[in-house]
Amino acid sequence: MSSERLNERVDELAALMNEFGLAEAELRSDDWKISLKKTRLIESSNVVAAGDTGHSVSSTFSSPAPEAKPSVQGTPVTSPMTGIFYSAPSPNAPPFIKEGEPVTAGQVVGLIEAMKVFNEINAPISGTVTLIAADNGAIVNPGDPLLYIS
């Protein structure tokens, strides 16, 4: 299975978990398996993909427990995919943006790591960052708000 197709399967499985409020889900084929598990206290999800080669890949993602959503004004910048959100280009670098700072359309406001690829997230509009909704290092799913710009 190609890495792009595997990424699609993980996205589908994560979406189904969210849609039906599942804590665990698994998808199998003859030569591979995808498993996701969410827990509130530990706040982690495990993804395991194994092929007929006998090798397996395992990653751990942080996943915040659901909480009350504040009413936020502004345009949400949402995640286009499932992955890990990073607010800075490297661990020791300053964040791309901070709350209250101005941004311009097209400016990089974060990264999402999916399948070992870092995807830039750009501001769709110019304005001021009113809220950064995603924590650095948190797993995000398609449609999750990362930040708001007004």
N, C-alpha and C. Protein backbone atom coordinates (compact mmCIF):
# COMPACT_ATOMS: atom_id res chain seq x y z
N MET A 1 0.85 -1.16 0.00
CA MET A 1 0.00 0.00 0.00
C MET A 1 0.90 1.23 0.00
N SER A 2 0.59 2.21 -0.83
CA SER A 2 1.39 3.42 -0.89
C SER A 2 1.21 4.23 0.39
N SER A 3 2.21 5.07 0.69
CA SER A 3 2.12 5.88 1.91
C SER A 3 0.97 6.87 1.80
N GLU A 4 0.66 7.34 0.60
CA GLU A 4 -0.48 8.26 0.42
C GLU A 4 -1.79 7.54 0.74
N ARG A 5 -1.95 6.31 0.26
CA ARG A 5 -3.17 5.54 0.54
C ARG A 5 -3.27 5.19 2.02
N LEU A 6 -2.12 4.86 2.64
CA LEU A 6 -2.11 4.57 4.07
C LEU A 6 -2.54 5.80 4.85
N ASN A 7 -2.05 6.97 4.47
CA ASN A 7 -2.45 8.22 5.12
C ASN A 7 -3.95 8.45 4.99
N GLU A 8 -4.51 8.14 3.81
CA GLU A 8 -5.96 8.26 3.61
C GLU A 8 -6.72 7.32 4.54
N ARG A 9 -6.23 6.10 4.69
CA ARG A 9 -6.88 5.11 5.57
C ARG A 9 -6.86 5.59 7.03
N VAL A 10 -5.71 6.14 7.47
CA VAL A 10 -5.62 6.64 8.84
C VAL A 10 -6.60 7.80 9.02
N ASP A 11 -6.68 8.71 8.04
CA ASP A 11 -7.63 9.82 8.10
C ASP A 11 -9.07 9.31 8.19
N GLU A 12 -9.41 8.31 7.38
CA GLU A 12 -10.76 7.74 7.39
C GLU A 12 -11.08 7.13 8.76
N LEU A 13 -10.12 6.39 9.29
CA LEU A 13 -10.33 5.73 10.57
C LEU A 13 -10.47 6.77 11.70
N ALA A 14 -9.64 7.80 11.69
CA ALA A 14 -9.71 8.85 12.70
C ALA A 14 -11.05 9.59 12.60
N ALA A 15 -11.52 9.85 11.39
CA ALA A 15 -12.81 10.52 11.20
C ALA A 15 -13.96 9.67 11.74
N LEU A 16 -13.91 8.37 11.49
CA LEU A 16 -14.95 7.48 12.01
C LEU A 16 -14.94 7.43 13.54
N MET A 17 -13.74 7.44 14.11
CA MET A 17 -13.65 7.44 15.58
C MET A 17 -14.31 8.69 16.15
N ASN A 18 -14.01 9.85 15.55
CA ASN A 18 -14.61 11.10 16.01
C ASN A 18 -16.10 11.12 15.79
N GLU A 19 -16.55 10.67 14.62
CA GLU A 19 -17.97 10.70 14.28
C GLU A 19 -18.80 9.85 15.24
N PHE A 20 -18.31 8.68 15.61
CA PHE A 20 -19.06 7.78 16.45
C PHE A 20 -18.59 7.76 17.91
N GLY A 21 -17.66 8.65 18.26
CA GLY A 21 -17.18 8.72 19.64
C GLY A 21 -16.48 7.47 20.12
N LEU A 22 -15.73 6.83 19.24
CA LEU A 22 -15.04 5.58 19.58
C LEU A 22 -13.69 5.86 20.26
N ALA A 23 -13.33 5.01 21.20
CA ALA A 23 -12.03 5.10 21.85
C ALA A 23 -10.99 4.24 21.13
N GLU A 24 -11.46 3.20 20.43
CA GLU A 24 -10.56 2.31 19.69
C GLU A 24 -11.17 1.97 18.33
N ALA A 25 -10.29 1.78 17.35
CA ALA A 25 -10.74 1.35 16.02
C ALA A 25 -9.60 0.61 15.35
N GLU A 26 -9.95 -0.33 14.48
CA GLU A 26 -8.95 -1.13 13.79
C GLU A 26 -9.43 -1.43 12.38
N LEU A 27 -8.52 -1.37 11.43
CA LEU A 27 -8.80 -1.70 10.04
C LEU A 27 -7.72 -2.67 9.60
N ARG A 28 -8.15 -3.80 8.98
CA ARG A 28 -7.19 -4.85 8.60
C ARG A 28 -7.33 -5.25 7.14
N SER A 29 -6.24 -5.77 6.62
CA SER A 29 -6.20 -6.43 5.32
C SER A 29 -5.37 -7.69 5.54
N ASP A 30 -5.17 -8.47 4.51
CA ASP A 30 -4.37 -9.69 4.65
C ASP A 30 -2.92 -9.38 5.03
N ASP A 31 -2.40 -8.23 4.54
CA ASP A 31 -0.99 -7.95 4.75
C ASP A 31 -0.71 -6.67 5.54
N TRP A 32 -1.74 -6.02 6.10
CA TRP A 32 -1.52 -4.84 6.92
C TRP A 32 -2.64 -4.64 7.93
N LYS A 33 -2.36 -3.81 8.93
CA LYS A 33 -3.32 -3.53 9.99
C LYS A 33 -3.10 -2.10 10.48
N ILE A 34 -4.19 -1.35 10.68
CA ILE A 34 -4.13 -0.01 11.23
C ILE A 34 -4.98 -0.01 12.50
N SER A 35 -4.39 0.39 13.62
CA SER A 35 -5.11 0.45 14.88
C SER A 35 -4.94 1.83 15.49
N LEU A 36 -6.03 2.39 16.00
CA LEU A 36 -5.99 3.66 16.72
C LEU A 36 -6.65 3.46 18.07
N LYS A 37 -6.09 4.09 19.10
CA LYS A 37 -6.67 3.99 20.43
C LYS A 37 -6.51 5.33 21.12
N LYS A 38 -7.61 5.87 21.64
CA LYS A 38 -7.59 7.13 22.38
C LYS A 38 -7.96 6.86 23.83
N THR A 39 -7.24 7.51 24.72
CA THR A 39 -7.61 7.47 26.13
C THR A 39 -7.58 8.89 26.66
N ARG A 40 -8.48 9.20 27.57
CA ARG A 40 -8.57 10.56 28.10
C ARG A 40 -7.47 10.89 29.09
N LEU A 41 -7.17 9.99 30.02
CA LEU A 41 -6.21 10.30 31.06
C LEU A 41 -4.78 10.36 30.53
N ILE A 42 -4.43 9.41 29.70
CA ILE A 42 -3.08 9.36 29.15
C ILE A 42 -2.96 10.29 27.96
N GLU A 43 -4.07 10.56 27.31
CA GLU A 43 -4.13 11.42 26.14
C GLU A 43 -3.15 10.99 25.05
N SER A 44 -3.26 9.73 24.63
CA SER A 44 -2.39 9.26 23.55
C SER A 44 -3.17 8.37 22.61
N SER A 45 -2.69 8.30 21.39
CA SER A 45 -3.23 7.40 20.38
C SER A 45 -2.08 6.64 19.78
N ASN A 46 -2.26 5.37 19.53
CA ASN A 46 -1.22 4.58 18.91
C ASN A 46 -1.66 4.18 17.52
N VAL A 47 -0.75 4.33 16.57
CA VAL A 47 -1.01 3.92 15.21
C VAL A 47 0.03 2.87 14.86
N VAL A 48 -0.40 1.71 14.44
CA VAL A 48 0.53 0.65 14.07
C VAL A 48 0.16 0.15 12.68
N ALA A 49 1.13 0.15 11.79
CA ALA A 49 0.91 -0.37 10.44
C ALA A 49 1.93 -1.47 10.22
N ALA A 50 1.49 -2.64 9.83
CA ALA A 50 2.41 -3.75 9.60
C ALA A 50 2.14 -4.37 8.24
N GLY A 51 3.20 -4.72 7.54
CA GLY A 51 3.05 -5.34 6.22
C GLY A 51 3.53 -6.78 6.26
N ASP A 52 3.52 -7.42 5.11
CA ASP A 52 3.92 -8.82 5.06
C ASP A 52 5.42 -8.99 5.22
N THR A 53 6.17 -7.89 5.34
CA THR A 53 7.62 -7.98 5.53
C THR A 53 7.98 -8.33 6.96
N GLY A 54 6.99 -8.26 7.85
CA GLY A 54 7.27 -8.55 9.25
C GLY A 54 7.71 -7.33 10.02
N HIS A 55 7.92 -6.19 9.34
CA HIS A 55 8.30 -4.95 10.01
C HIS A 55 7.05 -4.19 10.40
N SER A 56 7.13 -3.46 11.47
CA SER A 56 6.00 -2.62 11.85
C SER A 56 6.49 -1.23 12.19
N VAL A 57 5.61 -0.27 12.06
CA VAL A 57 5.89 1.12 12.36
C VAL A 57 4.92 1.54 13.44
N SER A 58 5.40 2.16 14.48
CA SER A 58 4.53 2.59 15.56
C SER A 58 4.81 4.04 15.89
N SER A 59 3.77 4.84 16.05
CA SER A 59 3.91 6.25 16.41
C SER A 59 2.93 6.55 17.52
N THR A 60 3.31 7.47 18.39
CA THR A 60 2.41 7.91 19.45
C THR A 60 2.09 9.37 19.24
N PHE A 61 0.81 9.71 19.32
CA PHE A 61 0.35 11.07 19.14
C PHE A 61 -0.34 11.54 20.40
N SER A 62 -0.19 12.79 20.73
CA SER A 62 -0.91 13.37 21.86
C SER A 62 -2.28 13.81 21.38
N SER A 63 -3.31 13.55 22.15
CA SER A 63 -4.67 13.90 21.77
C SER A 63 -5.41 14.46 22.97
N PRO A 64 -5.72 15.77 22.96
CA PRO A 64 -6.36 16.36 24.12
C PRO A 64 -7.77 15.83 24.31
N ALA A 65 -8.19 15.73 25.57
CA ALA A 65 -9.56 15.32 25.88
C ALA A 65 -10.51 16.44 25.47
N PRO A 66 -11.74 16.09 25.05
CA PRO A 66 -12.68 17.12 24.68
C PRO A 66 -12.95 18.07 25.84
N GLU A 67 -13.07 19.35 25.52
CA GLU A 67 -13.37 20.32 26.54
C GLU A 67 -14.31 21.37 25.95
N ALA A 68 -14.83 22.22 26.80
CA ALA A 68 -15.76 23.25 26.34
C ALA A 68 -15.05 24.17 25.36
N LYS A 69 -15.73 24.49 24.27
CA LYS A 69 -15.15 25.36 23.25
C LYS A 69 -15.51 26.81 23.55
N PRO A 70 -14.50 27.68 23.64
CA PRO A 70 -14.81 29.08 23.88
C PRO A 70 -15.41 29.70 22.63
N SER A 71 -16.22 30.73 22.81
CA SER A 71 -16.73 31.41 21.63
C SER A 71 -15.63 32.34 21.15
N VAL A 72 -15.18 32.12 19.94
CA VAL A 72 -14.05 32.84 19.39
C VAL A 72 -14.50 33.58 18.15
N GLN A 73 -14.08 34.82 18.05
CA GLN A 73 -14.39 35.59 16.86
C GLN A 73 -13.22 35.48 15.91
N GLY A 74 -13.55 35.46 14.63
CA GLY A 74 -12.50 35.40 13.63
C GLY A 74 -12.69 34.22 12.69
N THR A 75 -11.83 34.17 11.72
CA THR A 75 -11.84 33.11 10.72
C THR A 75 -10.99 31.95 11.22
N PRO A 76 -11.56 30.75 11.32
CA PRO A 76 -10.73 29.62 11.76
C PRO A 76 -9.79 29.18 10.66
N VAL A 77 -8.58 28.83 11.05
CA VAL A 77 -7.62 28.18 10.16
C VAL A 77 -7.64 26.72 10.61
N THR A 78 -8.13 25.83 9.75
CA THR A 78 -8.34 24.45 10.14
C THR A 78 -7.29 23.52 9.53
N SER A 79 -7.16 22.36 10.14
CA SER A 79 -6.21 21.36 9.66
C SER A 79 -6.77 20.70 8.40
N PRO A 80 -5.95 20.57 7.36
CA PRO A 80 -6.40 19.89 6.15
C PRO A 80 -6.22 18.37 6.21
N MET A 81 -5.56 17.87 7.29
CA MET A 81 -5.22 16.45 7.35
C MET A 81 -5.00 16.02 8.79
N THR A 82 -4.89 14.73 8.99
CA THR A 82 -4.51 14.18 10.28
C THR A 82 -2.99 14.22 10.40
N GLY A 83 -2.52 14.68 11.52
CA GLY A 83 -1.08 14.74 11.73
C GLY A 83 -0.77 15.41 13.05
N ILE A 84 0.50 15.75 13.24
CA ILE A 84 0.95 16.41 14.45
C ILE A 84 1.19 17.88 14.14
N PHE A 85 0.55 18.76 14.92
CA PHE A 85 0.68 20.20 14.73
C PHE A 85 1.92 20.71 15.44
N TYR A 86 2.70 21.52 14.74
CA TYR A 86 3.87 22.18 15.34
C TYR A 86 3.73 23.68 15.14
N SER A 87 3.93 24.43 16.22
CA SER A 87 3.79 25.88 16.17
C SER A 87 5.10 26.58 15.84
N ALA A 88 6.20 25.82 15.72
CA ALA A 88 7.51 26.40 15.40
C ALA A 88 8.23 25.49 14.41
N PRO A 89 9.19 26.05 13.67
CA PRO A 89 9.90 25.24 12.67
C PRO A 89 10.83 24.20 13.25
N SER A 90 11.26 24.37 14.51
CA SER A 90 12.10 23.38 15.18
C SER A 90 11.90 23.54 16.69
N PRO A 91 12.32 22.55 17.48
CA PRO A 91 12.06 22.60 18.93
C PRO A 91 12.61 23.85 19.64
N ASN A 92 13.76 24.36 19.21
CA ASN A 92 14.36 25.51 19.88
C ASN A 92 14.05 26.84 19.22
N ALA A 93 13.30 26.82 18.13
CA ALA A 93 12.97 28.05 17.40
C ALA A 93 11.74 28.72 18.01
N PRO A 94 11.62 30.03 17.84
CA PRO A 94 10.41 30.71 18.32
C PRO A 94 9.21 30.29 17.47
N PRO A 95 8.00 30.42 18.02
CA PRO A 95 6.81 30.03 17.26
C PRO A 95 6.63 30.91 16.02
N PHE A 96 5.94 30.35 15.02
CA PHE A 96 5.66 31.10 13.80
C PHE A 96 4.85 32.36 14.13
N ILE A 97 3.88 32.23 15.02
CA ILE A 97 2.98 33.32 15.38
C ILE A 97 2.63 33.25 16.86
N LYS A 98 2.12 34.38 17.39
CA LYS A 98 1.64 34.44 18.77
C LYS A 98 0.28 35.12 18.76
N GLU A 99 -0.53 34.82 19.78
CA GLU A 99 -1.82 35.49 19.90
C GLU A 99 -1.61 36.99 19.99
N GLY A 100 -2.47 37.73 19.28
CA GLY A 100 -2.39 39.18 19.28
C GLY A 100 -1.49 39.75 18.20
N GLU A 101 -0.72 38.91 17.52
CA GLU A 101 0.19 39.37 16.47
C GLU A 101 -0.53 39.46 15.13
N PRO A 102 -0.10 40.42 14.28
CA PRO A 102 -0.67 40.49 12.93
C PRO A 102 -0.06 39.41 12.04
N VAL A 103 -0.86 38.93 11.08
CA VAL A 103 -0.39 37.98 10.07
C VAL A 103 -0.85 38.48 8.71
N THR A 104 -0.14 38.06 7.67
CA THR A 104 -0.54 38.40 6.31
C THR A 104 -0.95 37.13 5.59
N ALA A 105 -1.85 37.28 4.64
CA ALA A 105 -2.31 36.14 3.86
C ALA A 105 -1.11 35.44 3.23
N GLY A 106 -1.05 34.12 3.37
CA GLY A 106 0.05 33.34 2.81
C GLY A 106 1.19 33.09 3.79
N GLN A 107 1.20 33.80 4.91
CA GLN A 107 2.25 33.62 5.90
C GLN A 107 2.14 32.24 6.54
N VAL A 108 3.28 31.58 6.78
CA VAL A 108 3.28 30.28 7.45
C VAL A 108 2.92 30.51 8.92
N VAL A 109 1.90 29.77 9.39
CA VAL A 109 1.45 29.91 10.78
C VAL A 109 1.65 28.62 11.58
N GLY A 110 2.08 27.55 10.93
CA GLY A 110 2.31 26.29 11.61
C GLY A 110 2.70 25.20 10.64
N LEU A 111 2.99 24.04 11.18
CA LEU A 111 3.33 22.86 10.38
C LEU A 111 2.49 21.69 10.85
N ILE A 112 2.16 20.79 9.94
CA ILE A 112 1.54 19.53 10.31
C ILE A 112 2.41 18.42 9.73
N GLU A 113 2.87 17.55 10.63
CA GLU A 113 3.67 16.40 10.21
C GLU A 113 2.74 15.22 9.98
N ALA A 114 2.77 14.70 8.77
CA ALA A 114 1.98 13.52 8.41
C ALA A 114 2.87 12.62 7.57
N MET A 115 3.01 11.39 8.00
CA MET A 115 3.81 10.39 7.27
C MET A 115 5.24 10.89 7.05
N LYS A 116 5.82 11.50 8.09
CA LYS A 116 7.20 12.00 8.09
C LYS A 116 7.41 13.17 7.12
N VAL A 117 6.32 13.80 6.66
CA VAL A 117 6.41 14.97 5.79
C VAL A 117 5.85 16.16 6.56
N PHE A 118 6.57 17.28 6.54
CA PHE A 118 6.11 18.50 7.20
C PHE A 118 5.40 19.38 6.18
N ASN A 119 4.13 19.65 6.45
CA ASN A 119 3.29 20.44 5.56
C ASN A 119 3.06 21.81 6.17
N GLU A 120 3.39 22.86 5.41
CA GLU A 120 3.19 24.22 5.90
C GLU A 120 1.70 24.56 5.91
N ILE A 121 1.28 25.25 6.96
CA ILE A 121 -0.07 25.78 7.06
C ILE A 121 0.06 27.28 6.93
N ASN A 122 -0.64 27.85 5.95
CA ASN A 122 -0.54 29.28 5.66
C ASN A 122 -1.81 29.99 6.08
N ALA A 123 -1.67 31.25 6.47
CA ALA A 123 -2.82 32.08 6.82
C ALA A 123 -3.63 32.34 5.55
N PRO A 124 -4.94 32.07 5.57
CA PRO A 124 -5.76 32.32 4.38
C PRO A 124 -6.09 33.79 4.18
N ILE A 125 -6.01 34.57 5.27
CA ILE A 125 -6.33 36.00 5.21
C ILE A 125 -5.32 36.77 6.04
N SER A 126 -5.29 38.09 5.83
CA SER A 126 -4.50 38.96 6.69
C SER A 126 -5.36 39.38 7.87
N GLY A 127 -4.74 39.63 9.00
CA GLY A 127 -5.48 40.05 10.18
C GLY A 127 -4.64 39.86 11.43
N THR A 128 -5.34 39.69 12.57
CA THR A 128 -4.68 39.51 13.86
C THR A 128 -5.06 38.13 14.41
N VAL A 129 -4.07 37.43 14.94
CA VAL A 129 -4.32 36.12 15.54
C VAL A 129 -5.07 36.35 16.86
N THR A 130 -6.32 35.85 16.93
CA THR A 130 -7.13 36.04 18.13
C THR A 130 -6.99 34.87 19.10
N LEU A 131 -6.72 33.67 18.58
CA LEU A 131 -6.56 32.50 19.45
C LEU A 131 -5.77 31.43 18.73
N ILE A 132 -4.83 30.82 19.43
CA ILE A 132 -4.15 29.63 18.92
C ILE A 132 -4.83 28.46 19.61
N ALA A 133 -5.60 27.68 18.86
CA ALA A 133 -6.46 26.63 19.42
C ALA A 133 -5.75 25.29 19.59
N ALA A 134 -4.74 25.01 18.79
CA ALA A 134 -4.04 23.71 18.85
C ALA A 134 -2.75 23.85 19.63
N ASP A 135 -2.50 22.90 20.51
CA ASP A 135 -1.26 22.87 21.27
C ASP A 135 -0.12 22.34 20.40
N ASN A 136 1.07 22.84 20.64
CA ASN A 136 2.25 22.33 19.95
C ASN A 136 2.42 20.85 20.27
N GLY A 137 2.57 20.03 19.24
CA GLY A 137 2.76 18.59 19.42
C GLY A 137 1.48 17.79 19.51
N ALA A 138 0.33 18.46 19.39
CA ALA A 138 -0.96 17.76 19.48
C ALA A 138 -1.35 17.15 18.15
N ILE A 139 -2.04 16.00 18.20
CA ILE A 139 -2.57 15.41 16.98
C ILE A 139 -3.81 16.20 16.58
N VAL A 140 -3.91 16.48 15.30
CA VAL A 140 -5.07 17.19 14.76
C VAL A 140 -5.67 16.35 13.64
N ASN A 141 -6.95 16.55 13.42
CA ASN A 141 -7.68 15.84 12.38
C ASN A 141 -8.21 16.85 11.37
N PRO A 142 -8.61 16.38 10.20
CA PRO A 142 -9.15 17.31 9.21
C PRO A 142 -10.32 18.11 9.78
N GLY A 143 -10.26 19.43 9.62
CA GLY A 143 -11.32 20.31 10.10
C GLY A 143 -11.11 20.84 11.50
N ASP A 144 -10.15 20.29 12.25
CA ASP A 144 -9.88 20.83 13.59
C ASP A 144 -9.34 22.24 13.48
N PRO A 145 -9.83 23.18 14.31
CA PRO A 145 -9.28 24.54 14.26
C PRO A 145 -7.89 24.57 14.86
N LEU A 146 -6.96 25.21 14.14
CA LEU A 146 -5.60 25.38 14.62
C LEU A 146 -5.45 26.74 15.29
N LEU A 147 -6.08 27.76 14.68
CA LEU A 147 -6.03 29.12 15.20
C LEU A 147 -7.15 29.92 14.54
N TYR A 148 -7.33 31.14 15.06
CA TYR A 148 -8.37 32.03 14.52
C TYR A 148 -7.71 33.38 14.20
N ILE A 149 -8.14 33.96 13.08
CA ILE A 149 -7.64 35.25 12.63
C ILE A 149 -8.85 36.18 12.42
N SER A 150 -8.74 37.40 12.96
CA SER A 150 -9.83 38.37 12.72
C SER A 150 -9.26 39.63 12.11
